[in-house]
Amino acid sequence: MSSLTHFDDQGQAHMVDVSAKPATLRVAVAQGCIRMAPDTLRTIMQGNAGKGDVLGIARIAAIQGAKRTADLIPLCHPLPLSKVAVELECQEGLPGVVCRVTAQTVGPTGVEMEALTAVQVGLLTIYDMCKAMDRGMTITDVALLEKRGGRSGHWQRERRDVEPPSGAQT
């Protein structure tokens, strides 16, 4: 494992200097799920939640979360995102919703944190919109699935704890 890059020679936290790194296409894919009562999932799927379109609002929140990552994570670089794609799939077998986010930029540093933040914000939005029905929901299995680009090249998780969504539900 490489040394931690967010600490200088004196052990002080700092933002990594990426100014000498070339701008390349960077892509990251992250995923997580929110488990809930079957009745809660049915309400989401039927579009009958009191606060509105749960999946539509969660999709927008996830995109906003990716865009605001540098404001939330102290040492993240603000990035010009060129793509944030959010897939939400209702899975009766969980029961719950799987959120998968692909984030993309052309720049000197990766977008893993943007993808991970987007997943969390999307899932937290589902919790917020449905908590009146089900306070026992649990956000689980948030993980980076894949990253491409940059000096370290391509990395992909060997084992996925949550099956990837087969398609978005709206």
Protein backbone atom coordinates (compact mmCIF):
# COMPACT_ATOMS: atom_id res chain seq x y z
CA MET A 1 0.00 0.00 0.00
CA SER A 2 1.35 3.43 -0.88
CA SER A 3 1.95 6.14 1.70
CA LEU A 4 -0.87 8.46 2.66
CA THR A 5 -0.73 11.49 0.38
CA HIS A 6 -2.83 13.87 2.47
CA PHE A 7 0.00 14.38 5.01
CA ASP A 8 3.15 16.40 4.44
CA ASP A 9 6.65 15.53 5.68
CA GLN A 10 5.80 16.96 9.12
CA GLY A 11 2.59 14.90 9.40
CA GLN A 12 0.29 17.85 8.80
CA ALA A 13 -2.84 17.40 6.74
CA HIS A 14 -2.74 19.21 3.40
CA MET A 15 -4.38 19.23 0.01
CA VAL A 16 -2.27 17.25 -2.43
CA ASP A 17 -0.60 19.32 -5.16
CA VAL A 18 -1.83 17.94 -8.48
CA SER A 19 -0.70 20.85 -10.63
CA ALA A 20 2.07 18.83 -12.34
CA LYS A 21 -0.20 15.88 -13.15
CA PRO A 22 -1.59 15.63 -16.68
CA ALA A 23 -5.29 16.04 -17.29
CA THR A 24 -6.71 12.68 -18.35
CA LEU A 25 -10.16 11.13 -18.52
CA ARG A 26 -11.10 9.89 -15.04
CA VAL A 27 -14.13 7.69 -14.32
CA ALA A 28 -15.35 6.21 -11.03
CA VAL A 29 -18.31 3.96 -10.29
CA ALA A 30 -19.69 3.56 -6.77
CA GLN A 31 -22.72 1.75 -5.40
CA GLY A 32 -24.70 1.29 -2.20
CA CYS A 33 -28.17 0.32 -1.05
CA ILE A 34 -30.82 1.28 1.42
CA ARG A 35 -32.76 -1.58 2.97
CA MET A 36 -36.31 -0.97 4.13
CA ALA A 37 -39.61 -2.58 5.00
CA PRO A 38 -41.42 -4.16 2.03
CA ASP A 39 -44.35 -1.73 2.46
CA THR A 40 -41.98 1.23 2.21
CA LEU A 41 -40.49 -0.11 -1.01
CA ARG A 42 -43.97 -0.69 -2.45
CA THR A 43 -44.90 2.91 -1.65
CA ILE A 44 -41.79 4.15 -3.47
CA MET A 45 -42.44 1.91 -6.48
CA GLN A 46 -46.08 3.01 -6.71
CA GLY A 47 -45.11 6.69 -6.46
CA ASN A 48 -47.34 7.23 -3.43
CA ALA A 49 -44.85 8.74 -0.98
CA GLY A 50 -46.23 11.82 0.74
CA LYS A 51 -43.18 13.94 -0.08
CA GLY A 52 -43.29 13.21 -3.81
CA ASP A 53 -41.21 11.32 -6.37
CA VAL A 54 -38.66 9.63 -4.10
CA LEU A 55 -36.44 8.23 -6.86
CA GLY A 56 -36.53 11.40 -8.95
CA ILE A 57 -35.55 13.59 -6.01
CA ALA A 58 -32.86 11.09 -4.91
CA ARG A 59 -31.36 11.17 -8.42
CA ILE A 60 -31.13 14.98 -8.37
CA ALA A 61 -29.72 14.92 -4.82
CA ALA A 62 -27.04 12.41 -5.84
CA ILE A 63 -25.97 14.64 -8.73
CA GLN A 64 -25.88 17.64 -6.39
CA GLY A 65 -23.86 15.60 -3.88
CA ALA A 66 -21.23 14.82 -6.53
CA LYS A 67 -21.05 18.49 -7.45
CA ARG A 68 -20.61 19.57 -3.79
CA THR A 69 -18.07 16.92 -2.71
CA ALA A 70 -15.20 19.40 -2.31
CA ASP A 71 -17.41 21.46 0.04
CA LEU A 72 -18.06 18.40 2.24
CA ILE A 73 -14.75 16.50 2.24
CA PRO A 74 -12.03 18.88 3.48
CA LEU A 75 -9.08 17.78 1.34
CA CYS A 76 -10.90 17.00 -1.92
CA HIS A 77 -10.12 19.10 -4.96
CA PRO A 78 -13.04 20.90 -6.62
CA LEU A 79 -13.47 19.18 -9.97
CA PRO A 80 -15.20 20.15 -13.21
CA LEU A 81 -17.45 17.13 -13.58
CA SER A 82 -18.31 16.21 -17.15
CA LYS A 83 -20.79 13.46 -16.24
CA VAL A 84 -22.73 12.18 -13.25
CA ALA A 85 -25.06 9.29 -14.09
CA VAL A 86 -27.32 7.90 -11.35
CA GLU A 87 -29.08 4.55 -11.57
CA LEU A 88 -31.67 3.66 -8.94
CA GLU A 89 -33.15 0.19 -8.87
CA CYS A 90 -35.89 -1.02 -6.59
CA GLN A 91 -35.12 -4.58 -5.51
CA GLU A 92 -37.89 -6.49 -3.79
CA GLY A 93 -35.39 -9.15 -2.70
CA LEU A 94 -33.53 -6.72 -0.40
CA PRO A 95 -36.11 -5.15 0.05
CA GLY A 96 -34.72 -1.75 -0.84
CA VAL A 97 -33.15 0.50 -3.43
CA VAL A 98 -29.70 0.13 -4.99
CA CYS A 99 -27.99 3.35 -6.07
CA ARG A 100 -25.13 3.25 -8.56
CA VAL A 101 -23.30 6.40 -9.65
CA THR A 102 -20.81 6.93 -12.45
CA ALA A 103 -18.82 10.16 -12.18
CA GLN A 104 -16.50 11.46 -14.87
CA THR A 105 -14.07 14.33 -15.41
CA VAL A 106 -11.06 15.26 -17.48
CA GLY A 107 -8.50 16.47 -14.99
CA PRO A 108 -5.40 15.77 -12.91
CA THR A 109 -7.12 13.83 -10.12
CA GLY A 110 -9.76 11.12 -9.79
CA VAL A 111 -13.49 11.24 -9.11
CA GLU A 112 -13.85 8.39 -6.62
CA MET A 113 -14.93 10.70 -3.81
CA GLU A 114 -17.54 12.35 -6.03
CA ALA A 115 -19.07 8.98 -6.93
CA LEU A 116 -19.06 7.79 -3.31
CA THR A 117 -20.51 11.05 -2.01
CA ALA A 118 -23.23 10.98 -4.66
CA VAL A 119 -24.28 7.46 -3.63
CA GLN A 120 -24.49 8.46 0.04
CA VAL A 121 -26.44 11.66 -0.63
CA GLY A 122 -28.88 9.82 -2.92
CA LEU A 123 -29.50 7.14 -0.30
CA LEU A 124 -29.79 9.69 2.51
CA THR A 125 -32.41 11.51 0.45
CA ILE A 126 -34.45 8.31 0.17
CA TYR A 127 -34.18 7.95 3.94
CA ASP A 128 -35.28 11.54 4.48
CA MET A 129 -38.26 11.23 2.16
CA CYS A 130 -39.44 7.92 3.68
CA LYS A 131 -38.51 8.21 7.36
CA ALA A 132 -42.10 8.97 8.39
CA MET A 133 -43.04 5.50 7.08
CA ASP A 134 -39.94 3.58 8.14
CA ARG A 135 -37.31 4.83 10.58
CA GLY A 136 -35.62 1.41 10.52
CA MET A 137 -34.10 1.82 7.05
CA THR A 138 -30.40 0.98 6.82
CA ILE A 139 -27.85 2.30 4.34
CA THR A 140 -25.36 -0.47 3.54
CA ASP A 141 -22.73 -1.78 1.17
CA VAL A 142 -21.44 1.60 -0.05
CA ALA A 143 -18.29 0.89 -2.03
CA LEU A 144 -16.18 1.94 -4.95
CA LEU A 145 -16.72 -0.60 -7.73
CA GLU A 146 -14.35 0.72 -10.37
CA LYS A 147 -12.01 3.58 -11.26
CA ARG A 148 -10.34 4.33 -14.57
CA GLY A 149 -7.73 6.84 -15.62
CA GLY A 150 -4.72 8.51 -14.17
CA ARG A 151 -1.33 7.10 -13.31
CA SER A 152 -2.72 4.10 -11.40
CA GLY A 153 -4.82 3.06 -14.41
CA HIS A 154 -7.82 0.77 -14.12
CA TRP A 155 -9.00 -0.78 -10.86
CA GLN A 156 -12.10 -2.92 -10.38
CA ARG A 157 -13.52 -4.51 -7.25
CA GLU A 158 -13.10 -8.27 -7.45
CA ARG A 159 -16.23 -9.15 -5.48
CA ARG A 160 -19.39 -7.07 -5.41
CA ASP A 161 -21.40 -7.34 -2.21
CA VAL A 162 -24.49 -5.87 -3.88
CA GLU A 163 -25.64 -6.93 -7.31
CA PRO A 164 -25.41 -4.06 -9.80
CA PRO A 165 -28.68 -2.55 -10.95
CA SER A 166 -29.97 -3.92 -14.21
CA GLY A 167 -31.72 -0.66 -15.06
CA ALA A 168 -33.09 2.48 -13.50
CA GLN A 169 -36.60 2.63 -12.11
CA THR A 170 -38.47 5.90 -12.25
